[in-house]
C-alpha atoms as a PDB file:
ATOM      1  CA  MET A   1       7.912 107.623  44.201  1.00  0.00           C
ATOM      2  CA  ASP A   2       7.256 111.050  43.969  1.00  0.00           C
ATOM      3  CA  CYS A   3       5.943 112.156  47.793  1.00  0.00           C
ATOM      4  CA  ILE A   4       5.741 115.404  49.086  1.00  0.00           C
ATOM      5  CA  PHE A   5       6.195 114.149  52.727  1.00  0.00           C
ATOM      6  CA  CYS A   6       9.330 112.533  52.218  1.00  0.00           C
ATOM      7  CA  GLU A   7      10.633 115.165  50.221  1.00  0.00           C
ATOM      8  CA  ILE A   8      10.199 117.720  53.391  1.00  0.00           C
ATOM      9  CA  ILE A   9      11.688 114.616  55.279  1.00  0.00           C
ATOM     10  CA  LYS A  10      14.335 114.810  53.687  1.00  0.00           C
ATOM     11  CA  GLY A  11      14.881 118.546  53.228  1.00  0.00           C
ATOM     12  CA  ASP A  12      13.857 118.986  49.864  1.00  0.00           C
ATOM     13  CA  ILE A  13      11.295 121.011  50.734  1.00  0.00           C
ATOM     14  CA  PRO A  14      11.372 123.548  53.211  1.00  0.00           C
ATOM     15  CA  SER A  15       8.488 123.185  56.250  1.00  0.00           C
ATOM     16  CA  THR A  16       8.337 124.836  59.878  1.00  0.00           C
ATOM     17  CA  THR A  17       9.725 121.464  61.734  1.00  0.00           C
ATOM     18  CA  VAL A  18       7.690 121.332  65.136  1.00  0.00           C
ATOM     19  CA  TYR A  19       8.948 118.067  66.418  1.00  0.00           C
ATOM     20  CA  GLU A  20      11.834 115.904  64.853  1.00  0.00           C
ATOM     21  CA  ASP A  21      13.498 112.370  66.059  1.00  0.00           C
ATOM     22  CA  GLU A  22      15.119 109.539  63.824  1.00  0.00           C
ATOM     23  CA  TRP A  23      11.381 108.145  63.645  1.00  0.00           C
ATOM     24  CA  VAL A  24       9.096 111.075  63.348  1.00  0.00           C
ATOM     25  CA  LYS A  25       9.008 114.461  61.968  1.00  0.00           C
ATOM     26  CA  ALA A  26       6.354 116.869  62.581  1.00  0.00           C
ATOM     27  CA  ILE A  27       5.518 120.182  60.951  1.00  0.00           C
ATOM     28  CA  ASN A  28       3.046 122.797  61.051  1.00  0.00           C
ATOM     29  CA  ASP A  29      -0.262 122.645  58.115  1.00  0.00           C
ATOM     30  CA  LEU A  30       0.312 125.314  55.777  1.00  0.00           C
ATOM     31  CA  ASN A  31      -3.406 125.601  55.516  1.00  0.00           C
ATOM     32  CA  PRO A  32      -4.582 125.721  59.444  1.00  0.00           C
ATOM     33  CA  GLN A  33      -7.779 124.464  60.525  1.00  0.00           C
ATOM     34  CA  MET A  34      -7.336 124.850  64.207  1.00  0.00           C
ATOM     35  CA  PRO A  35      -4.851 127.284  66.087  1.00  0.00           C
ATOM     36  CA  VAL A  36      -2.677 124.709  66.248  1.00  0.00           C
ATOM     37  CA  HIS A  37      -2.970 122.408  63.097  1.00  0.00           C
ATOM     38  CA  VAL A  38       0.349 120.123  63.334  1.00  0.00           C
ATOM     39  CA  LEU A  39       1.105 117.477  61.018  1.00  0.00           C
ATOM     40  CA  VAL A  40       3.177 114.390  62.292  1.00  0.00           C
ATOM     41  CA  MET A  41       4.307 111.575  60.283  1.00  0.00           C
ATOM     42  CA  PRO A  42       6.518 108.455  60.182  1.00  0.00           C
ATOM     43  CA  LYS A  43      10.079 109.343  58.323  1.00  0.00           C
ATOM     44  CA  LYS A  44       9.582 105.559  57.075  1.00  0.00           C
ATOM     45  CA  HIS A  45       6.636 105.878  53.976  1.00  0.00           C
ATOM     46  CA  ILE A  46       3.849 104.044  54.300  1.00  0.00           C
ATOM     47  CA  ALA A  47       1.149 104.782  51.804  1.00  0.00           C
ATOM     48  CA  SER A  48      -1.973 105.208  54.583  1.00  0.00           C
ATOM     49  CA  ALA A  49      -3.145 103.317  57.756  1.00  0.00           C
ATOM     50  CA  ASN A  50      -4.122 100.256  55.352  1.00  0.00           C
ATOM     51  CA  GLU A  51      -0.407  99.712  54.358  1.00  0.00           C
ATOM     52  CA  ILE A  52       0.560  99.830  58.253  1.00  0.00           C
ATOM     53  CA  THR A  53       2.375  96.275  58.967  1.00  0.00           C
ATOM     54  CA  GLU A  54       3.375  94.562  62.042  1.00  0.00           C
ATOM     55  CA  GLU A  55       6.782  95.685  61.368  1.00  0.00           C
ATOM     56  CA  ASP A  56       5.391  99.104  61.703  1.00  0.00           C
ATOM     57  CA  ALA A  57       3.870  99.105  65.239  1.00  0.00           C
ATOM     58  CA  GLU A  58       6.937 100.214  66.963  1.00  0.00           C
ATOM     59  CA  THR A  59       6.972 103.204  64.494  1.00  0.00           C
ATOM     60  CA  ILE A  60       3.198 103.905  64.797  1.00  0.00           C
ATOM     61  CA  GLY A  61       3.821 103.860  69.089  1.00  0.00           C
ATOM     62  CA  LYS A  62       6.486 106.462  68.451  1.00  0.00           C
ATOM     63  CA  ILE A  63       4.214 108.408  66.500  1.00  0.00           C
ATOM     64  CA  PHE A  64       1.628 109.099  69.222  1.00  0.00           C
ATOM     65  CA  LEU A  65       4.067 109.470  71.918  1.00  0.00           C
ATOM     66  CA  ALA A  66       5.580 112.527  69.823  1.00  0.00           C
ATOM     67  CA  ALA A  67       2.309 113.865  69.590  1.00  0.00           C
ATOM     68  CA  LYS A  68       1.320 113.910  73.213  1.00  0.00           C
ATOM     69  CA  LYS A  69       5.076 115.537  73.339  1.00  0.00           C
ATOM     70  CA  ILE A  70       4.007 118.111  70.893  1.00  0.00           C
ATOM     71  CA  ALA A  71       1.044 118.604  72.711  1.00  0.00           C
ATOM     72  CA  GLY A  72       2.139 119.426  75.715  1.00  0.00           C
ATOM     73  CA  ASP A  73       4.897 121.863  74.334  1.00  0.00           C
ATOM     74  CA  LEU A  74       2.263 123.680  72.632  1.00  0.00           C
ATOM     75  CA  GLY A  75       0.014 124.143  75.948  1.00  0.00           C
ATOM     76  CA  LEU A  76      -2.455 122.180  75.341  1.00  0.00           C
ATOM     77  CA  GLU A  77      -3.500 121.153  78.538  1.00  0.00           C
ATOM     78  CA  ASN A  78      -6.785 121.090  77.970  1.00  0.00           C
ATOM     79  CA  GLY A  79      -7.223 118.594  75.314  1.00  0.00           C
ATOM     80  CA  TYR A  80      -6.317 118.130  71.515  1.00  0.00           C
ATOM     81  CA  ARG A  81      -8.016 115.531  68.929  1.00  0.00           C
ATOM     82  CA  ILE A  82      -5.591 113.425  66.209  1.00  0.00           C
ATOM     83  CA  ILE A  83      -7.294 112.302  63.332  1.00  0.00           C
ATOM     84  CA  ASN A  84      -5.644 110.821  60.224  1.00  0.00           C
ATOM     85  CA  ASN A  85      -7.809 110.518  56.409  1.00  0.00           C
ATOM     86  CA  CYS A  86      -7.145 106.934  54.959  1.00  0.00           C
ATOM     87  CA  GLY A  87      -8.061 106.695  51.856  1.00  0.00           C
ATOM     88  CA  GLU A  88      -9.416 108.829  49.434  1.00  0.00           C
ATOM     89  CA  ASP A  89     -13.243 108.894  50.112  1.00  0.00           C
ATOM     90  CA  ALA A  90     -11.837 109.909  53.849  1.00  0.00           C
ATOM     91  CA  GLY A  91     -10.287 112.960  52.232  1.00  0.00           C
ATOM     92  CA  GLN A  92      -6.594 112.062  52.198  1.00  0.00           C
ATOM     93  CA  THR A  93      -4.993 114.006  49.799  1.00  0.00           C
ATOM     94  CA  VAL A  94      -1.037 112.705  50.075  1.00  0.00           C
ATOM     95  CA  LYS A  95      -0.317 109.617  50.271  1.00  0.00           C
ATOM     96  CA  HIS A  96       1.833 109.396  53.063  1.00  0.00           C
ATOM     97  CA  LEU A  97       0.786 107.993  56.527  1.00  0.00           C
ATOM     98  CA  HIS A  98       0.426 111.712  58.728  1.00  0.00           C
ATOM     99  CA  PHE A  99      -1.973 112.523  61.762  1.00  0.00           C
ATOM    100  CA  HIS A 100      -3.638 115.710  62.311  1.00  0.00           C
ATOM    101  CA  LEU A 101      -3.103 116.801  65.713  1.00  0.00           C
ATOM    102  CA  LEU A 102      -6.207 119.969  66.224  1.00  0.00           C
ATOM    103  CA  GLY A 103      -5.885 121.860  69.102  1.00  0.00           C
ATOM    104  CA  GLY A 104      -5.961 125.657  71.061  1.00  0.00           C
ATOM    105  CA  ARG A 105      -9.380 125.775  71.460  1.00  0.00           C
ATOM    106  CA  THR A 106     -12.882 123.894  72.406  1.00  0.00           C
ATOM    107  CA  MET A 107     -13.618 121.528  69.637  1.00  0.00           C
ATOM    108  CA  GLY A 108     -17.197 119.570  71.145  1.00  0.00           C
ATOM    109  CA  GLU A 109     -18.104 116.525  70.952  1.00  0.00           C
ATOM    110  CA  LYS A 110     -18.665 115.848  66.888  1.00  0.00           C
ATOM    111  CA  ILE A 111     -15.809 114.894  64.541  1.00  0.00           C
ATOM    112  CA  ILE A 112     -16.938 117.104  61.592  1.00  0.00           C
END
């Protein structure tokens, strides 16, 4: 399997780690779209949201608990957005489940 996020998780590709535990790794996005733009991913390789199984329920919960902690640590008291791109039409370019945690300025109600 040739997955850039798996390589980052293993430490083979350098990244700026924002958070890490046994389930989750979170890194700063190399091309930030907001003042805060963190990628939150499971350490287990799951290709996309469409590949999540019942066995992954605990992992998904850990991702959202990590996102909440990261947002708090980064001072996003006024809110933040979590986005997941699932599939080619949605713009998923890396086939490893990940969530974009965005914040640091007012975004408004529109998604895009």
